[in-house]
Amino acid sequence: MERILERIAEGALQPGDWLPSEQRMKQELGISRGVARETVQALKERGVVEVRHGRGQWVRPEDDWNVLDRHVLAAVVAARRFDVLDELVECRALLGPPAAALAARRANAEVRELLDAAHARLRDAAGLRRRPAADDDPFFAAEIELHRAIARLAGNRVLARLLEPVDTGLALAHHELLAGQRDGIVRQLDKVRAAVAERDPEAARGAVERGVAQTRRWLRQAQSTGA
């Protein structure tokens, strides 16, 4: 599924194109007919393909894709789809600052210890030389953990669920495109952590806003250099 998603995200298969038949998938990808059928179903569930019984399956328009799905996000990042990444940054700009401000306003005595521990794991992971795949990367896991902690502290479950795929998508972009900026990411999040721990809503809001602006600049640089 991920291999086909990447082909679609990078434009090798365009909206309206027909996917290979299950028999061709079996031959080209070296998978069983059952796995091919499950792959098509998984793509359908994510809004990426439409199945016409008796005819096959075709790629749906991009507006129909579930771009908040973890696998779709990974595919668009791998395909260097900076248009989608710009939209993720825009969502972080809209949701992240007020979430951090809420977290600072609602922080309690246990918050400092929680955030300090999460940030320490992020800082330690930044110093590792090897960079495995995202799912095995301690830095990726620590970044997601810190974002989730701040979102939970905001005390709004709906807001936390909205932020989670946005934070995941940008953490994937950090892993794939901005690996050289890990120290900068650590500093960004340390400023947010400190403001929340100090229960300073405006400082927390400003720290996230500045972090979003920096991420936007890094992505622009990565796009211009073809990273």
Protein backbone atom coordinates (compact mmCIF):
# COMPACT_ATOMS: atom_id res chain seq x y z
CA MET A 1 0.00 0.00 0.00
CA GLU A 2 2.79 2.42 0.90
CA ARG A 3 4.58 1.76 -2.39
CA ILE A 4 1.45 2.50 -4.40
CA LEU A 5 0.65 5.54 -2.24
CA GLU A 6 4.08 6.97 -3.01
CA ARG A 7 3.58 6.43 -6.74
CA ILE A 8 0.28 8.29 -6.51
CA ALA A 9 1.64 11.09 -4.30
CA GLU A 10 4.60 11.74 -6.61
CA GLY A 11 2.34 11.84 -9.68
CA ALA A 12 3.35 8.60 -11.39
CA LEU A 13 -0.33 7.70 -11.11
CA GLN A 14 -2.58 10.72 -11.64
CA PRO A 15 -6.17 11.29 -10.50
CA GLY A 16 -8.38 9.45 -12.96
CA ASP A 17 -5.71 6.85 -13.82
CA TRP A 18 -6.61 3.22 -13.42
CA LEU A 19 -4.55 1.19 -10.97
CA PRO A 20 -3.07 -2.13 -12.06
CA SER A 21 -5.46 -5.04 -11.71
CA GLU A 22 -5.11 -7.30 -8.69
CA GLN A 23 -3.49 -9.88 -10.97
CA ARG A 24 -0.93 -7.34 -12.21
CA MET A 25 -0.23 -6.18 -8.64
CA LYS A 26 0.38 -9.79 -7.74
CA GLN A 27 2.93 -10.14 -10.53
CA GLU A 28 4.61 -6.71 -10.26
CA LEU A 29 4.83 -6.52 -6.47
CA GLY A 30 5.34 -10.20 -5.73
CA ILE A 31 2.29 -10.42 -3.45
CA SER A 32 -0.64 -12.77 -3.22
CA ARG A 33 -4.03 -12.03 -4.74
CA GLY A 34 -5.45 -11.66 -1.23
CA VAL A 35 -2.82 -9.06 -0.27
CA ALA A 36 -3.51 -7.18 -3.51
CA ARG A 37 -7.21 -7.11 -2.63
CA GLU A 38 -6.45 -5.87 0.90
CA THR A 39 -4.16 -3.18 -0.55
CA VAL A 40 -6.92 -1.87 -2.78
CA GLN A 41 -9.34 -1.87 0.17
CA ALA A 42 -6.83 0.05 2.33
CA LEU A 43 -6.40 2.67 -0.40
CA LYS A 44 -10.16 2.93 -0.74
CA GLU A 45 -10.58 3.47 3.02
CA ARG A 46 -8.14 6.38 2.80
CA GLY A 47 -10.11 8.02 -0.01
CA VAL A 48 -7.27 7.55 -2.49
CA VAL A 49 -8.93 5.14 -4.92
CA GLU A 50 -12.44 4.38 -6.09
CA VAL A 51 -13.40 0.80 -6.91
CA ARG A 52 -15.69 0.09 -9.85
CA HIS A 53 -16.81 -3.50 -9.56
CA GLY A 54 -16.15 -5.40 -12.74
CA ARG A 55 -13.87 -2.66 -14.08
CA GLY A 56 -11.11 -2.06 -11.54
CA GLN A 57 -9.96 0.86 -9.42
CA TRP A 58 -8.93 4.39 -10.28
CA VAL A 59 -7.17 7.23 -8.45
CA ARG A 60 -9.52 9.75 -6.90
CA PRO A 61 -8.95 13.53 -6.93
CA GLU A 62 -6.54 14.76 -4.29
CA ASP A 63 -9.27 16.68 -2.47
CA ASP A 64 -10.82 13.30 -1.60
CA TRP A 65 -7.69 11.87 0.02
CA ASN A 66 -7.52 11.58 3.79
CA VAL A 67 -4.35 13.63 4.09
CA LEU A 68 -4.44 13.26 7.88
CA ASP A 69 -3.94 9.51 7.66
CA ARG A 70 -0.47 8.49 8.87
CA HIS A 71 0.34 6.50 5.71
CA VAL A 72 -0.91 9.18 3.34
CA LEU A 73 1.13 11.76 5.25
CA ALA A 74 4.23 9.58 4.94
CA ALA A 75 3.66 9.26 1.20
CA VAL A 76 3.27 12.99 0.58
CA VAL A 77 6.39 13.72 2.64
CA ALA A 78 8.38 11.07 0.77
CA ALA A 79 7.15 12.57 -2.51
CA ARG A 80 8.31 16.06 -1.42
CA ARG A 81 4.81 17.45 -1.76
CA PHE A 82 5.59 20.89 -0.38
CA ASP A 83 2.09 22.10 -1.21
CA VAL A 84 0.66 19.70 1.37
CA LEU A 85 3.45 20.50 3.84
CA ASP A 86 2.59 24.21 3.51
CA GLU A 87 -0.99 23.35 4.46
CA LEU A 88 0.21 21.40 7.50
CA VAL A 89 2.33 24.38 8.59
CA GLU A 90 -0.69 26.63 8.13
CA CYS A 91 -2.77 24.32 10.34
CA ARG A 92 -0.05 24.32 13.00
CA ALA A 93 -0.08 28.14 12.86
CA LEU A 94 -3.85 28.16 13.43
CA LEU A 95 -4.08 25.48 16.14
CA GLY A 96 -0.69 25.32 17.84
CA PRO A 97 -0.41 28.78 19.46
CA PRO A 98 -3.82 28.75 21.20
CA ALA A 99 -3.26 25.14 22.32
CA ALA A 100 0.06 26.11 23.94
CA ALA A 101 -1.55 29.14 25.56
CA LEU A 102 -4.29 26.94 27.01
CA ALA A 103 -1.70 24.46 28.26
CA ALA A 104 0.16 27.27 30.03
CA ARG A 105 -3.04 28.64 31.53
CA ARG A 106 -4.15 25.22 32.81
CA ALA A 107 -0.75 23.89 33.87
CA ASN A 108 -0.49 22.45 37.38
CA ALA A 109 2.38 21.63 39.71
CA GLU A 110 3.20 18.35 37.93
CA VAL A 111 3.61 19.93 34.51
CA ARG A 112 7.23 21.01 34.79
CA GLU A 113 8.43 17.49 35.61
CA LEU A 114 6.38 15.98 32.78
CA LEU A 115 7.61 18.43 30.15
CA ASP A 116 11.20 18.38 31.38
CA ALA A 117 11.32 14.59 31.02
CA ALA A 118 9.77 14.69 27.54
CA HIS A 119 12.17 17.39 26.38
CA ALA A 120 15.18 15.56 27.86
CA ARG A 121 14.31 12.52 25.72
CA LEU A 122 14.10 14.76 22.65
CA ARG A 123 17.45 16.40 23.43
CA ASP A 124 19.16 13.05 24.02
CA ALA A 125 17.76 11.61 20.79
CA ALA A 126 19.03 14.61 18.80
CA GLY A 127 22.59 13.57 19.57
CA LEU A 128 22.31 10.09 18.08
CA ARG A 129 24.39 9.63 14.95
CA ARG A 130 22.27 7.03 13.19
CA ARG A 131 18.94 8.01 11.69
CA PRO A 132 16.68 4.98 11.26
CA ALA A 133 13.25 4.94 9.65
CA ALA A 134 10.77 7.26 11.35
CA ASP A 135 8.94 4.53 13.22
CA ASP A 136 12.25 3.39 14.78
CA ASP A 137 13.70 6.86 15.32
CA PRO A 138 13.81 7.95 18.99
CA PHE A 139 13.89 11.61 17.93
CA PHE A 140 10.68 11.24 15.92
CA ALA A 141 9.01 9.46 18.86
CA ALA A 142 10.23 12.05 21.37
CA GLU A 143 9.05 14.97 19.24
CA ILE A 144 5.57 13.44 18.93
CA GLU A 145 5.53 12.71 22.67
CA LEU A 146 6.32 16.32 23.58
CA HIS A 147 3.66 17.70 21.23
CA ARG A 148 1.09 15.27 22.64
CA ALA A 149 1.97 16.26 26.20
CA ILE A 150 1.41 19.95 25.45
CA ALA A 151 -1.85 19.19 23.61
CA ARG A 152 -3.11 17.08 26.52
CA LEU A 153 -2.23 19.82 28.99
CA ALA A 154 -4.45 22.20 27.01
CA GLY A 155 -7.35 20.19 28.43
CA ASN A 156 -9.33 20.07 25.20
CA ARG A 157 -9.65 16.55 23.78
CA VAL A 158 -11.06 17.72 20.47
CA LEU A 159 -8.18 20.15 19.96
CA ALA A 160 -5.65 17.44 20.89
CA ARG A 161 -7.12 15.07 18.29
CA LEU A 162 -7.04 17.79 15.65
CA LEU A 163 -3.40 18.58 16.38
CA GLU A 164 -2.12 15.01 16.45
CA PRO A 165 -2.04 14.33 12.67
CA VAL A 166 -0.69 17.83 11.99
CA ASP A 167 2.13 17.32 14.49
CA THR A 168 2.79 13.83 13.08
CA GLY A 169 2.99 15.11 9.51
CA LEU A 170 5.43 17.86 10.41
CA ALA A 171 7.52 15.48 12.51
CA LEU A 172 7.72 13.23 9.44
CA ALA A 173 8.86 16.23 7.40
CA HIS A 174 11.48 17.00 10.05
CA HIS A 175 12.71 13.42 9.84
CA GLU A 176 12.82 13.18 6.06
CA LEU A 177 13.69 16.73 4.99
CA LEU A 178 15.11 18.62 7.97
CA ALA A 179 17.35 16.10 9.73
CA GLY A 180 20.11 18.71 9.84
CA GLN A 181 17.90 21.04 11.86
CA ARG A 182 17.41 18.80 14.89
CA ASP A 183 19.24 21.09 17.28
CA GLY A 184 17.05 23.95 16.10
CA ILE A 185 13.90 21.88 16.64
CA VAL A 186 15.08 21.06 20.16
CA ARG A 187 15.56 24.78 20.87
CA GLN A 188 12.15 25.62 19.41
CA LEU A 189 10.35 23.13 21.61
CA ASP A 190 12.39 24.04 24.67
CA LYS A 191 11.04 27.59 24.46
CA VAL A 192 7.48 26.24 24.26
CA ARG A 193 8.15 23.84 27.15
CA ALA A 194 9.58 26.59 29.35
CA ALA A 195 6.69 28.99 28.67
CA VAL A 196 4.08 26.32 29.46
CA ALA A 197 5.92 25.22 32.60
CA GLU A 198 6.14 28.86 33.75
CA ARG A 199 2.39 29.22 33.12
CA ASP A 200 2.88 32.13 30.73
CA PRO A 201 0.18 31.84 28.02
CA GLU A 202 1.41 34.72 25.85
CA ALA A 203 5.00 33.50 25.91
CA ALA A 204 3.80 29.98 24.99
CA ARG A 205 1.72 31.34 22.14
CA GLY A 206 4.64 33.42 20.85
CA ALA A 207 7.09 30.53 21.11
CA VAL A 208 4.89 28.34 18.93
CA GLU A 209 4.34 31.16 16.43
CA ARG A 210 8.08 31.70 16.09
CA GLY A 211 8.64 27.98 15.76
CA VAL A 212 6.07 27.77 12.97
CA ALA A 213 7.76 30.65 11.14
CA GLN A 214 11.13 28.92 11.44
CA THR A 215 9.74 25.62 10.18
CA ARG A 216 8.26 27.45 7.19
CA ARG A 217 11.66 28.97 6.40
CA TRP A 218 13.41 25.60 6.71
CA LEU A 219 10.92 23.97 4.35
CA ARG A 220 11.31 26.78 1.84
CA GLN A 221 15.07 26.23 1.96
CA ALA A 222 14.67 22.46 1.55
CA GLN A 223 12.40 23.03 -1.44
CA SER A 224 14.77 25.45 -3.11
CA THR A 225 17.77 23.17 -2.64
CA GLY A 226 15.90 20.03 -3.68
CA ALA A 227 16.55 18.33 -0.34
